[in-house]
């Protein structure tokens, strides 16, 4: 199971990395060097930094708010599809029960 970091730890790590990005050739290089010092996985830190850059408008891609909205909409679609399947199954059941040819 992935480690869960508090929002404060995440914010401090991202701020620390963002302040020092100009010293490195790439975001990956910065995160590979800084992550062990922060006791965070380098890929975790890299994803956080990239998302922070998107949220700041420095990089293209969906913002954190848009990603949260997409996640909520996918959950809603999943729930509606499940409800639709239940309704279809119950309609088929009752159609069979009410079929005069069965009696």
PDB file of N, CA and C in Angstrom:
ATOM      1  N   UNK A   1       0.839  -1.180   0.000  1.00  0.00           N
ATOM      2  CA  UNK A   1       0.000   0.000   0.000  1.00  0.00           C
ATOM      3  C   UNK A   1       0.884   1.243   0.000  1.00  0.00           C
ATOM      4  N   UNK A   2       0.550   2.226  -0.836  1.00  0.00           N
ATOM      5  CA  UNK A   2       1.374   3.435  -0.893  1.00  0.00           C
ATOM      6  C   UNK A   2       1.337   4.212   0.418  1.00  0.00           C
ATOM      7  N   UNK A   3       2.442   4.884   0.689  1.00  0.00           N
ATOM      8  CA  UNK A   3       2.503   5.736   1.868  1.00  0.00           C
ATOM      9  C   UNK A   3       1.541   6.906   1.712  1.00  0.00           C
ATOM     10  N   UNK A   4       0.943   7.298   2.809  1.00  0.00           N
ATOM     11  CA  UNK A   4       0.076   8.475   2.801  1.00  0.00           C
ATOM     12  C   UNK A   4       0.837   9.625   3.457  1.00  0.00           C
ATOM     13  N   UNK A   5       0.973  10.708   2.732  1.00  0.00           N
ATOM     14  CA  UNK A   5       1.660  11.882   3.245  1.00  0.00           C
ATOM     15  C   UNK A   5       0.627  12.943   3.599  1.00  0.00           C
ATOM     16  N   UNK A   6       0.905  13.674   4.651  1.00  0.00           N
ATOM     17  CA  UNK A   6      -0.002  14.749   5.036  1.00  0.00           C
ATOM     18  C   UNK A   6       0.120  15.885   4.019  1.00  0.00           C
ATOM     19  N   UNK A   7      -0.930  16.689   3.884  1.00  0.00           N
ATOM     20  CA  UNK A   7      -0.851  17.838   2.965  1.00  0.00           C
ATOM     21  C   UNK A   7       0.289  18.792   3.309  1.00  0.00           C
ATOM     22  N   UNK A   8       0.613  18.907   4.597  1.00  0.00           N
ATOM     23  CA  UNK A   8       1.694  19.798   5.007  1.00  0.00           C
ATOM     24  C   UNK A   8       3.044  19.287   4.501  1.00  0.00           C
ATOM     25  N   UNK A   9       3.270  17.978   4.637  1.00  0.00           N
ATOM     26  CA  UNK A   9       4.526  17.380   4.159  1.00  0.00           C
ATOM     27  C   UNK A   9       4.630  17.549   2.646  1.00  0.00           C
ATOM     28  N   UNK A  10       3.539  17.289   1.964  1.00  0.00           N
ATOM     29  CA  UNK A  10       3.524  17.420   0.504  1.00  0.00           C
ATOM     30  C   UNK A  10       3.818  18.865   0.093  1.00  0.00           C
ATOM     31  N   UNK A  11       3.164  19.820   0.728  1.00  0.00           N
ATOM     32  CA  UNK A  11       3.348  21.230   0.384  1.00  0.00           C
ATOM     33  C   UNK A  11       4.783  21.680   0.643  1.00  0.00           C
ATOM     34  N   UNK A  12       5.360  21.266   1.786  1.00  0.00           N
ATOM     35  CA  UNK A  12       6.736  21.647   2.097  1.00  0.00           C
ATOM     36  C   UNK A  12       7.716  21.025   1.114  1.00  0.00           C
ATOM     37  N   UNK A  13       7.492  19.754   0.761  1.00  0.00           N
ATOM     38  CA  UNK A  13       8.395  19.070  -0.169  1.00  0.00           C
ATOM     39  C   UNK A  13       8.336  19.712  -1.552  1.00  0.00           C
ATOM     40  N   UNK A  14       7.132  20.049  -1.997  1.00  0.00           N
ATOM     41  CA  UNK A  14       6.984  20.678  -3.314  1.00  0.00           C
ATOM     42  C   UNK A  14       7.630  22.055  -3.309  1.00  0.00           C
ATOM     43  N   UNK A  15       7.406  22.830  -2.262  1.00  0.00           N
ATOM     44  CA  UNK A  15       8.005  24.161  -2.178  1.00  0.00           C
ATOM     45  C   UNK A  15       9.534  24.064  -2.162  1.00  0.00           C
ATOM     46  N   UNK A  16      10.056  23.119  -1.413  1.00  0.00           N
ATOM     47  CA  UNK A  16      11.508  22.911  -1.335  1.00  0.00           C
ATOM     48  C   UNK A  16      12.071  22.570  -2.708  1.00  0.00           C
ATOM     49  N   UNK A  17      11.410  21.658  -3.420  1.00  0.00           N
ATOM     50  CA  UNK A  17      11.877  21.241  -4.744  1.00  0.00           C
ATOM     51  C   UNK A  17      11.731  22.368  -5.760  1.00  0.00           C
ATOM     52  N   UNK A  18      10.619  23.081  -5.720  1.00  0.00           N
ATOM     53  CA  UNK A  18      10.386  24.164  -6.686  1.00  0.00           C
ATOM     54  C   UNK A  18      11.421  25.275  -6.537  1.00  0.00           C
ATOM     55  N   UNK A  19      11.836  25.564  -5.301  1.00  0.00           N
ATOM     56  CA  UNK A  19      12.838  26.600  -5.063  1.00  0.00           C
ATOM     57  C   UNK A  19      14.195  26.246  -5.671  1.00  0.00           C
ATOM     58  N   UNK A  20      14.450  24.944  -5.796  1.00  0.00           N
ATOM     59  CA  UNK A  20      15.767  24.486  -6.227  1.00  0.00           C
ATOM     60  C   UNK A  20      15.809  23.931  -7.650  1.00  0.00           C
ATOM     61  N   UNK A  21      14.704  24.002  -8.379  1.00  0.00           N
ATOM     62  CA  UNK A  21      14.654  23.435  -9.730  1.00  0.00           C
ATOM     63  C   UNK A  21      15.675  24.057 -10.674  1.00  0.00           C
ATOM     64  N   UNK A  22      15.964  25.330 -10.506  1.00  0.00           N
ATOM     65  CA  UNK A  22      16.884  26.002 -11.430  1.00  0.00           C
ATOM     66  C   UNK A  22      18.324  25.507 -11.304  1.00  0.00           C
ATOM     67  N   UNK A  23      18.610  24.760 -10.253  1.00  0.00           N
ATOM     68  CA  UNK A  23      19.964  24.228 -10.044  1.00  0.00           C
ATOM     69  C   UNK A  23      20.186  22.897 -10.775  1.00  0.00           C
ATOM     70  N   UNK A  24      19.127  22.347 -11.358  1.00  0.00           N
ATOM     71  CA  UNK A  24      19.200  21.026 -11.976  1.00  0.00           C
ATOM     72  C   UNK A  24      18.838  21.100 -13.458  1.00  0.00           C
ATOM     73  N   UNK A  25      19.215  20.068 -14.186  1.00  0.00           N
ATOM     74  CA  UNK A  25      18.947  20.041 -15.631  1.00  0.00           C
ATOM     75  C   UNK A  25      17.506  19.684 -15.946  1.00  0.00           C
ATOM     76  N   UNK A  26      16.834  18.986 -15.022  1.00  0.00           N
ATOM     77  CA  UNK A  26      15.448  18.584 -15.269  1.00  0.00           C
ATOM     78  C   UNK A  26      14.729  18.388 -13.937  1.00  0.00           C
ATOM     79  N   UNK A  27      13.430  18.271 -14.034  1.00  0.00           N
ATOM     80  CA  UNK A  27      12.629  17.997 -12.840  1.00  0.00           C
ATOM     81  C   UNK A  27      13.017  16.639 -12.273  1.00  0.00           C
ATOM     82  N   UNK A  28      13.230  15.676 -13.165  1.00  0.00           N
ATOM     83  CA  UNK A  28      13.609  14.333 -12.708  1.00  0.00           C
ATOM     84  C   UNK A  28      14.920  14.369 -11.929  1.00  0.00           C
ATOM     85  N   UNK A  29      15.914  15.072 -12.453  1.00  0.00           N
ATOM     86  CA  UNK A  29      17.209  15.161 -11.774  1.00  0.00           C
ATOM     87  C   UNK A  29      17.062  15.815 -10.406  1.00  0.00           C
ATOM     88  N   UNK A  30      16.255  16.860 -10.339  1.00  0.00           N
ATOM     89  CA  UNK A  30      16.038  17.546  -9.058  1.00  0.00           C
ATOM     90  C   UNK A  30      15.377  16.608  -8.058  1.00  0.00           C
ATOM     91  N   UNK A  31      14.353  15.909  -8.498  1.00  0.00           N
ATOM     92  CA  UNK A  31      13.616  15.023  -7.592  1.00  0.00           C
ATOM     93  C   UNK A  31      14.459  13.816  -7.184  1.00  0.00           C
ATOM     94  N   UNK A  32      15.265  13.301  -8.101  1.00  0.00           N
ATOM     95  CA  UNK A  32      16.139  12.170  -7.778  1.00  0.00           C
ATOM     96  C   UNK A  32      17.149  12.566  -6.704  1.00  0.00           C
ATOM     97  N   UNK A  33      17.607  13.807  -6.728  1.00  0.00           N
ATOM     98  CA  UNK A  33      18.576  14.270  -5.740  1.00  0.00           C
ATOM     99  C   UNK A  33      17.910  14.678  -4.422  1.00  0.00           C
ATOM    100  N   UNK A  34      16.765  15.344  -4.507  1.00  0.00           N
ATOM    101  CA  UNK A  34      16.133  15.897  -3.302  1.00  0.00           C
ATOM    102  C   UNK A  34      15.261  14.902  -2.548  1.00  0.00           C
ATOM    103  N   UNK A  35      14.660  13.956  -3.234  1.00  0.00           N
ATOM    104  CA  UNK A  35      13.711  13.039  -2.593  1.00  0.00           C
ATOM    105  C   UNK A  35      14.314  12.261  -1.417  1.00  0.00           C
ATOM    106  N   UNK A  36      15.505  11.676  -1.557  1.00  0.00           N
ATOM    107  CA  UNK A  36      16.057  10.960  -0.396  1.00  0.00           C
ATOM    108  C   UNK A  36      16.277  11.871   0.812  1.00  0.00           C
ATOM    109  N   UNK A  37      16.615  13.121   0.567  1.00  0.00           N
ATOM    110  CA  UNK A  37      16.820  14.077   1.662  1.00  0.00           C
ATOM    111  C   UNK A  37      15.504  14.368   2.390  1.00  0.00           C
ATOM    112  N   UNK A  38      14.403  14.261   1.656  1.00  0.00           N
ATOM    113  CA  UNK A  38      13.086  14.538   2.224  1.00  0.00           C
ATOM    114  C   UNK A  38      12.378  13.264   2.691  1.00  0.00           C
ATOM    115  N   UNK A  39      13.036  12.114   2.490  1.00  0.00           N
ATOM    116  CA  UNK A  39      12.469  10.813   2.847  1.00  0.00           C
ATOM    117  C   UNK A  39      11.161  10.545   2.091  1.00  0.00           C
ATOM    118  N   UNK A  40      11.188  10.866   0.807  1.00  0.00           N
ATOM    119  CA  UNK A  40      10.045  10.682  -0.082  1.00  0.00           C
ATOM    120  C   UNK A  40      10.567   9.992  -1.335  1.00  0.00           C
ATOM    121  N   UNK A  41       9.741   9.172  -1.940  1.00  0.00           N
ATOM    122  CA  UNK A  41      10.131   8.528  -3.187  1.00  0.00           C
ATOM    123  C   UNK A  41      10.342   9.557  -4.285  1.00  0.00           C
ATOM    124  N   UNK A  42      11.353   9.318  -5.146  1.00  0.00           N
ATOM    125  CA  UNK A  42      11.661  10.307  -6.176  1.00  0.00           C
ATOM    126  C   UNK A  42      10.530  10.456  -7.185  1.00  0.00           C
ATOM    127  N   UNK A  43       9.850   9.367  -7.508  1.00  0.00           N
ATOM    128  CA  UNK A  43       8.739   9.453  -8.458  1.00  0.00           C
ATOM    129  C   UNK A  43       7.542  10.169  -7.835  1.00  0.00           C
ATOM    130  N   UNK A  44       7.321   9.954  -6.559  1.00  0.00           N
ATOM    131  CA  UNK A  44       6.244  10.656  -5.854  1.00  0.00           C
ATOM    132  C   UNK A  44       6.492  12.159  -5.884  1.00  0.00           C
ATOM    133  N   UNK A  45       7.691  12.547  -5.535  1.00  0.00           N
ATOM    134  CA  UNK A  45       8.038  13.971  -5.533  1.00  0.00           C
ATOM    135  C   UNK A  45       7.945  14.552  -6.941  1.00  0.00           C
ATOM    136  N   UNK A  46       8.410  13.795  -7.938  1.00  0.00           N
ATOM    137  CA  UNK A  46       8.348  14.277  -9.325  1.00  0.00           C
ATOM    138  C   UNK A  46       6.907  14.531  -9.751  1.00  0.00           C
ATOM    139  N   UNK A  47       6.000  13.600  -9.423  1.00  0.00           N
ATOM    140  CA  UNK A  47       4.586  13.788  -9.783  1.00  0.00           C
ATOM    141  C   UNK A  47       3.988  14.995  -9.065  1.00  0.00           C
ATOM    142  N   UNK A  48       4.346  15.184  -7.805  1.00  0.00           N
ATOM    143  CA  UNK A  48       3.857  16.345  -7.059  1.00  0.00           C
ATOM    144  C   UNK A  48       4.339  17.645  -7.692  1.00  0.00           C
ATOM    145  N   UNK A  49       5.609  17.688  -8.054  1.00  0.00           N
ATOM    146  CA  UNK A  49       6.181  18.908  -8.640  1.00  0.00           C
ATOM    147  C   UNK A  49       5.537  19.196  -9.999  1.00  0.00           C
ATOM    148  N   UNK A  50       5.390  18.161 -10.820  1.00  0.00           N
ATOM    149  CA  UNK A  50       4.755  18.364 -12.126  1.00  0.00           C
ATOM    150  C   UNK A  50       3.327  18.875 -11.959  1.00  0.00           C
ATOM    151  N   UNK A  51       2.575  18.306 -11.007  1.00  0.00           N
ATOM    152  CA  UNK A  51       1.205  18.762 -10.779  1.00  0.00           C
ATOM    153  C   UNK A  51       1.187  20.191 -10.259  1.00  0.00           C
ATOM    154  N   UNK A  52       2.139  20.546  -9.418  1.00  0.00           N
ATOM    155  CA  UNK A  52       2.224  21.927  -8.919  1.00  0.00           C
ATOM    156  C   UNK A  52       2.505  22.884 -10.072  1.00  0.00           C
ATOM    157  N   UNK A  53       3.344  22.469 -11.010  1.00  0.00           N
ATOM    158  CA  UNK A  53       3.622  23.302 -12.172  1.00  0.00           C
ATOM    159  C   UNK A  53       2.375  23.469 -13.033  1.00  0.00           C
ATOM    160  N   UNK A  54       1.585  22.420 -13.184  1.00  0.00           N
ATOM    161  CA  UNK A  54       0.323  22.514 -13.936  1.00  0.00           C
ATOM    162  C   UNK A  54      -0.625  23.470 -13.218  1.00  0.00           C
ATOM    163  N   UNK A  55      -0.739  23.315 -11.910  1.00  0.00           N
ATOM    164  CA  UNK A  55      -1.643  24.174 -11.126  1.00  0.00           C
ATOM    165  C   UNK A  55      -1.218  25.645 -11.184  1.00  0.00           C
ATOM    166  N   UNK A  56       0.093  25.893 -11.288  1.00  0.00           N
ATOM    167  CA  UNK A  56       0.604  27.268 -11.379  1.00  0.00           C
ATOM    168  C   UNK A  56       0.517  27.826 -12.791  1.00  0.00           C
ATOM    169  N   UNK A  57       0.188  26.984 -13.770  1.00  0.00           N
ATOM    170  CA  UNK A  57       0.091  27.426 -15.154  1.00  0.00           C
ATOM    171  C   UNK A  57       1.410  27.369 -15.910  1.00  0.00           C
ATOM    172  N   UNK A  58       2.432  26.777 -15.304  1.00  0.00           N
ATOM    173  CA  UNK A  58       3.738  26.676 -15.950  1.00  0.00           C
ATOM    174  C   UNK A  58       3.829  25.505 -16.921  1.00  0.00           C
ATOM    175  N   UNK A  59       2.900  24.589 -16.837  1.00  0.00           N
ATOM    176  CA  UNK A  59       2.911  23.375 -17.647  1.00  0.00           C
ATOM    177  C   UNK A  59       1.464  23.080 -18.052  1.00  0.00           C
ATOM    178  N   UNK A  60       1.287  22.468 -19.212  1.00  0.00           N
ATOM    179  CA  UNK A  60      -0.069  22.145 -19.655  1.00  0.00           C
ATOM    180  C   UNK A  60      -0.531  20.835 -19.036  1.00  0.00           C
ATOM    181  N   UNK A  61      -1.838  20.705 -18.913  1.00  0.00           N
ATOM    182  CA  UNK A  61      -2.430  19.489 -18.367  1.00  0.00           C
ATOM    183  C   UNK A  61      -3.587  19.843 -17.459  1.00  0.00           C
ATOM    184  N   UNK A  62      -4.310  18.830 -16.998  1.00  0.00           N
ATOM    185  CA  UNK A  62      -5.445  19.088 -16.112  1.00  0.00           C
ATOM    186  C   UNK A  62      -4.975  19.505 -14.714  1.00  0.00           C
ATOM    187  N   UNK A  63      -5.607  20.532 -14.174  1.00  0.00           N
ATOM    188  CA  UNK A  63      -5.266  21.005 -12.832  1.00  0.00           C
ATOM    189  C   UNK A  63      -5.779  20.022 -11.793  1.00  0.00           C
ATOM    190  N   UNK A  64      -5.360  20.218 -10.566  1.00  0.00           N
ATOM    191  CA  UNK A  64      -5.801  19.346  -9.471  1.00  0.00           C
ATOM    192  C   UNK A  64      -7.317  19.393  -9.315  1.00  0.00           C
ATOM    193  N   UNK A  65      -7.895  20.585  -9.474  1.00  0.00           N
ATOM    194  CA  UNK A  65      -9.349  20.727  -9.357  1.00  0.00           C
ATOM    195  C   UNK A  65     -10.050  19.960 -10.472  1.00  0.00           C
ATOM    196  N   UNK A  66      -9.506  20.050 -11.681  1.00  0.00           N
ATOM    197  CA  UNK A  66     -10.102  19.325 -12.804  1.00  0.00           C
ATOM    198  C   UNK A  66      -9.980  17.818 -12.602  1.00  0.00           C
ATOM    199  N   UNK A  67      -8.841  17.377 -12.073  1.00  0.00           N
ATOM    200  CA  UNK A  67      -8.667  15.949 -11.803  1.00  0.00           C
ATOM    201  C   UNK A  67      -9.647  15.454 -10.737  1.00  0.00           C
ATOM    202  N   UNK A  68      -9.879  16.278  -9.716  1.00  0.00           N
ATOM    203  CA  UNK A  68     -10.844  15.909  -8.677  1.00  0.00           C
ATOM    204  C   UNK A  68     -12.254  15.831  -9.263  1.00  0.00           C
ATOM    205  N   UNK A  69     -12.584  16.768 -10.145  1.00  0.00           N
ATOM    206  CA  UNK A  69     -13.897  16.747 -10.784  1.00  0.00           C
ATOM    207  C   UNK A  69     -14.047  15.513 -11.673  1.00  0.00           C
ATOM    208  N   UNK A  70     -13.014  15.178 -12.422  1.00  0.00           N
ATOM    209  CA  UNK A  70     -13.058  13.991 -13.279  1.00  0.00           C
ATOM    210  C   UNK A  70     -13.253  12.740 -12.432  1.00  0.00           C
ATOM    211  N   UNK A  71     -12.547  12.652 -11.312  1.00  0.00           N
ATOM    212  CA  UNK A  71     -12.674  11.496 -10.418  1.00  0.00           C
ATOM    213  C   UNK A  71     -14.100  11.385  -9.881  1.00  0.00           C
ATOM    214  N   UNK A  72     -14.675  12.517  -9.466  1.00  0.00           N
ATOM    215  CA  UNK A  72     -16.045  12.513  -8.943  1.00  0.00           C
ATOM    216  C   UNK A  72     -17.040  12.121 -10.036  1.00  0.00           C
ATOM    217  N   UNK A  73     -16.842  12.622 -11.239  1.00  0.00           N
ATOM    218  CA  UNK A  73     -17.745  12.278 -12.345  1.00  0.00           C
ATOM    219  C   UNK A  73     -17.647  10.805 -12.721  1.00  0.00           C
ATOM    220  N   UNK A  74     -16.438  10.257 -12.693  1.00  0.00           N
ATOM    221  CA  UNK A  74     -16.283   8.824 -12.979  1.00  0.00           C
ATOM    222  C   UNK A  74     -16.991   7.977 -11.931  1.00  0.00           C
ATOM    223  N   UNK A  75     -16.903   8.386 -10.669  1.00  0.00           N
ATOM    224  CA  UNK A  75     -17.596   7.664  -9.600  1.00  0.00           C
ATOM    225  C   UNK A  75     -19.107   7.744  -9.803  1.00  0.00           C
ATOM    226  N   UNK A  76     -19.594   8.905 -10.200  1.00  0.00           N
ATOM    227  CA  UNK A  76     -21.023   9.078 -10.428  1.00  0.00           C
ATOM    228  C   UNK A  76     -21.494   8.211 -11.602  1.00  0.00           C
ATOM    229  N   UNK A  77     -20.704   8.177 -12.676  1.00  0.00           N
ATOM    230  CA  UNK A  77     -21.045   7.342 -13.833  1.00  0.00           C
ATOM    231  C   UNK A  77     -21.089   5.877 -13.416  1.00  0.00           C
ATOM    232  N   UNK A  78     -20.109   5.444 -12.622  1.00  0.00           N
ATOM    233  CA  UNK A  78     -20.066   4.067 -12.147  1.00  0.00           C
ATOM    234  C   UNK A  78     -21.321   3.732 -11.332  1.00  0.00           C
ATOM    235  N   UNK A  79     -21.728   4.636 -10.450  1.00  0.00           N
ATOM    236  CA  UNK A  79     -22.933   4.421  -9.638  1.00  0.00           C
ATOM    237  C   UNK A  79     -24.185   4.370 -10.514  1.00  0.00           C
ATOM    238  N   UNK A  80     -24.267   5.267 -11.489  1.00  0.00           N
ATOM    239  CA  UNK A  80     -25.433   5.285 -12.375  1.00  0.00           C
ATOM    240  C   UNK A  80     -25.499   4.033 -13.246  1.00  0.00           C
ATOM    241  N   UNK A  81     -24.345   3.560 -13.710  1.00  0.00           N
ATOM    242  CA  UNK A  81     -24.333   2.333 -14.504  1.00  0.00           C
ATOM    243  C   UNK A  81     -24.768   1.136 -13.664  1.00  0.00           C
ATOM    244  N   UNK A  82     -24.341   1.107 -12.415  1.00  0.00           N
ATOM    245  CA  UNK A  82     -24.747   0.026 -11.519  1.00  0.00           C
ATOM    246  C   UNK A  82     -26.255   0.072 -11.268  1.00  0.00           C
ATOM    247  N   UNK A  83     -26.785   1.265 -11.019  1.00  0.00           N
ATOM    248  CA  UNK A  83     -28.229   1.409 -10.812  1.00  0.00           C
ATOM    249  C   UNK A  83     -28.991   1.021 -12.074  1.00  0.00           C
ATOM    250  N   UNK A  84     -28.462   1.386 -13.237  1.00  0.00           N
ATOM    251  CA  UNK A  84     -29.097   1.040 -14.504  1.00  0.00           C
ATOM    252  C   UNK A  84     -29.128  -0.474 -14.696  1.00  0.00           C
ATOM    253  N   UNK A  85     -28.046  -1.167 -14.366  1.00  0.00           N
ATOM    254  CA  UNK A  85     -28.003  -2.621 -14.476  1.00  0.00           C
ATOM    255  C   UNK A  85     -29.028  -3.273 -13.546  1.00  0.00           C
ATOM    256  N   UNK A  86     -29.160  -2.748 -12.344  1.00  0.00           N
ATOM    257  CA  UNK A  86     -30.145  -3.278 -11.392  1.00  0.00           C
ATOM    258  C   UNK A  86     -31.556  -3.076 -11.928  1.00  0.00           C
ATOM    259  N   UNK A  87     -31.828  -1.889 -12.474  1.00  0.00           N
ATOM    260  CA  UNK A  87     -33.153  -1.621 -13.031  1.00  0.00           C
ATOM    261  C   UNK A  87     -33.451  -2.520 -14.225  1.00  0.00           C
ATOM    262  N   UNK A  88     -32.486  -2.756 -15.070  1.00  0.00           N
ATOM    263  CA  UNK A  88     -32.684  -3.654 -16.209  1.00  0.00           C
ATOM    264  C   UNK A  88     -33.000  -5.060 -15.736  1.00  0.00           C
ATOM    265  N   UNK A  89     -32.256  -5.545 -14.762  1.00  0.00           N
ATOM    266  CA  UNK A  89     -32.474  -6.892 -14.245  1.00  0.00           C
ATOM    267  C   UNK A  89     -33.848  -7.012 -13.606  1.00  0.00           C
ATOM    268  N   UNK A  90     -34.253  -5.998 -12.868  1.00  0.00           N
ATOM    269  CA  UNK A  90     -35.578  -6.063 -12.230  1.00  0.00           C
ATOM    270  C   UNK A  90     -36.684  -5.960 -13.274  1.00  0.00           C
ATOM    271  N   UNK A  91     -36.492  -5.184 -14.314  1.00  0.00           N
ATOM    272  CA  UNK A  91     -37.500  -5.086 -15.375  1.00  0.00           C
ATOM    273  C   UNK A  91     -37.658  -6.425 -16.073  1.00  0.00           C
ATOM    274  N   UNK A  92     -36.561  -7.105 -16.336  1.00  0.00           N
ATOM    275  CA  UNK A  92     -36.636  -8.424 -16.962  1.00  0.00           C
ATOM    276  C   UNK A  92     -37.337  -9.408 -16.035  1.00  0.00           C
ATOM    277  N   UNK A  93     -37.024  -9.382 -14.748  1.00  0.00           N
ATOM    278  CA  UNK A  93     -37.652 -10.283 -13.784  1.00  0.00           C
ATOM    279  C   UNK A  93     -39.162 -10.069 -13.746  1.00  0.00           C
ATOM    280  N   UNK A  94     -39.588  -8.818 -13.616  1.00  0.00           N
ATOM    281  CA  UNK A  94     -41.018  -8.553 -13.516  1.00  0.00           C
ATOM    282  C   UNK A  94     -41.739  -8.799 -14.835  1.00  0.00           C
ATOM    283  N   UNK A  95     -41.071  -8.592 -15.941  1.00  0.00           N
ATOM    284  CA  UNK A  95     -41.683  -8.899 -17.240  1.00  0.00           C
ATOM    285  C   UNK A  95     -41.968 -10.392 -17.337  1.00  0.00           C
ATOM    286  N   UNK A  96     -41.069 -11.220 -16.851  1.00  0.00           N
ATOM    287  CA  UNK A  96     -41.289 -12.671 -16.857  1.00  0.00           C
ATOM    288  C   UNK A  96     -42.419 -13.054 -15.912  1.00  0.00           C
ATOM    289  N   UNK A  97     -42.433 -12.424 -14.746  1.00  0.00           N
ATOM    290  CA  UNK A  97     -43.466 -12.744 -13.754  1.00  0.00           C
ATOM    291  C   UNK A  97     -44.866 -12.376 -14.254  1.00  0.00           C
ATOM    292  N   UNK A  98     -44.957 -11.293 -14.998  1.00  0.00           N
ATOM    293  CA  UNK A  98     -46.259 -10.817 -15.458  1.00  0.00           C
ATOM    294  C   UNK A  98     -46.656 -11.391 -16.819  1.00  0.00           C
ATOM    295  N   UNK A  99     -45.820 -12.198 -17.404  1.00  0.00           N
ATOM    296  CA  UNK A  99     -46.084 -12.782 -18.728  1.00  0.00           C
ATOM    297  C   UNK A  99     -47.257 -13.762 -18.613  1.00  0.00           C
ATOM    298  N   UNK A 100     -48.372 -13.499 -19.308  1.00  0.00           N
ATOM    299  CA  UNK A 100     -49.549 -14.386 -19.184  1.00  0.00           C
ATOM    300  C   UNK A 100     -49.288 -15.772 -19.765  1.00  0.00           C
ATOM    301  N   UNK A 101     -48.336 -15.926 -20.617  1.00  0.00           N
ATOM    302  CA  UNK A 101     -48.060 -17.237 -21.210  1.00  0.00           C
ATOM    303  C   UNK A 101     -47.393 -18.183 -20.203  1.00  0.00           C
ATOM    304  N   UNK A 102     -46.852 -17.654 -19.136  1.00  0.00           N
ATOM    305  CA  UNK A 102     -46.180 -18.493 -18.130  1.00  0.00           C
ATOM    306  C   UNK A 102     -47.167 -19.151 -17.193  1.00  0.00           C
ATOM    307  N   UNK A 103     -48.395 -18.668 -17.138  1.00  0.00           N
ATOM    308  CA  UNK A 103     -49.357 -19.171 -16.142  1.00  0.00           C
ATOM    309  C   UNK A 103     -50.285 -20.165 -16.746  1.00  0.00           C
TER     310      UNK A 103
END
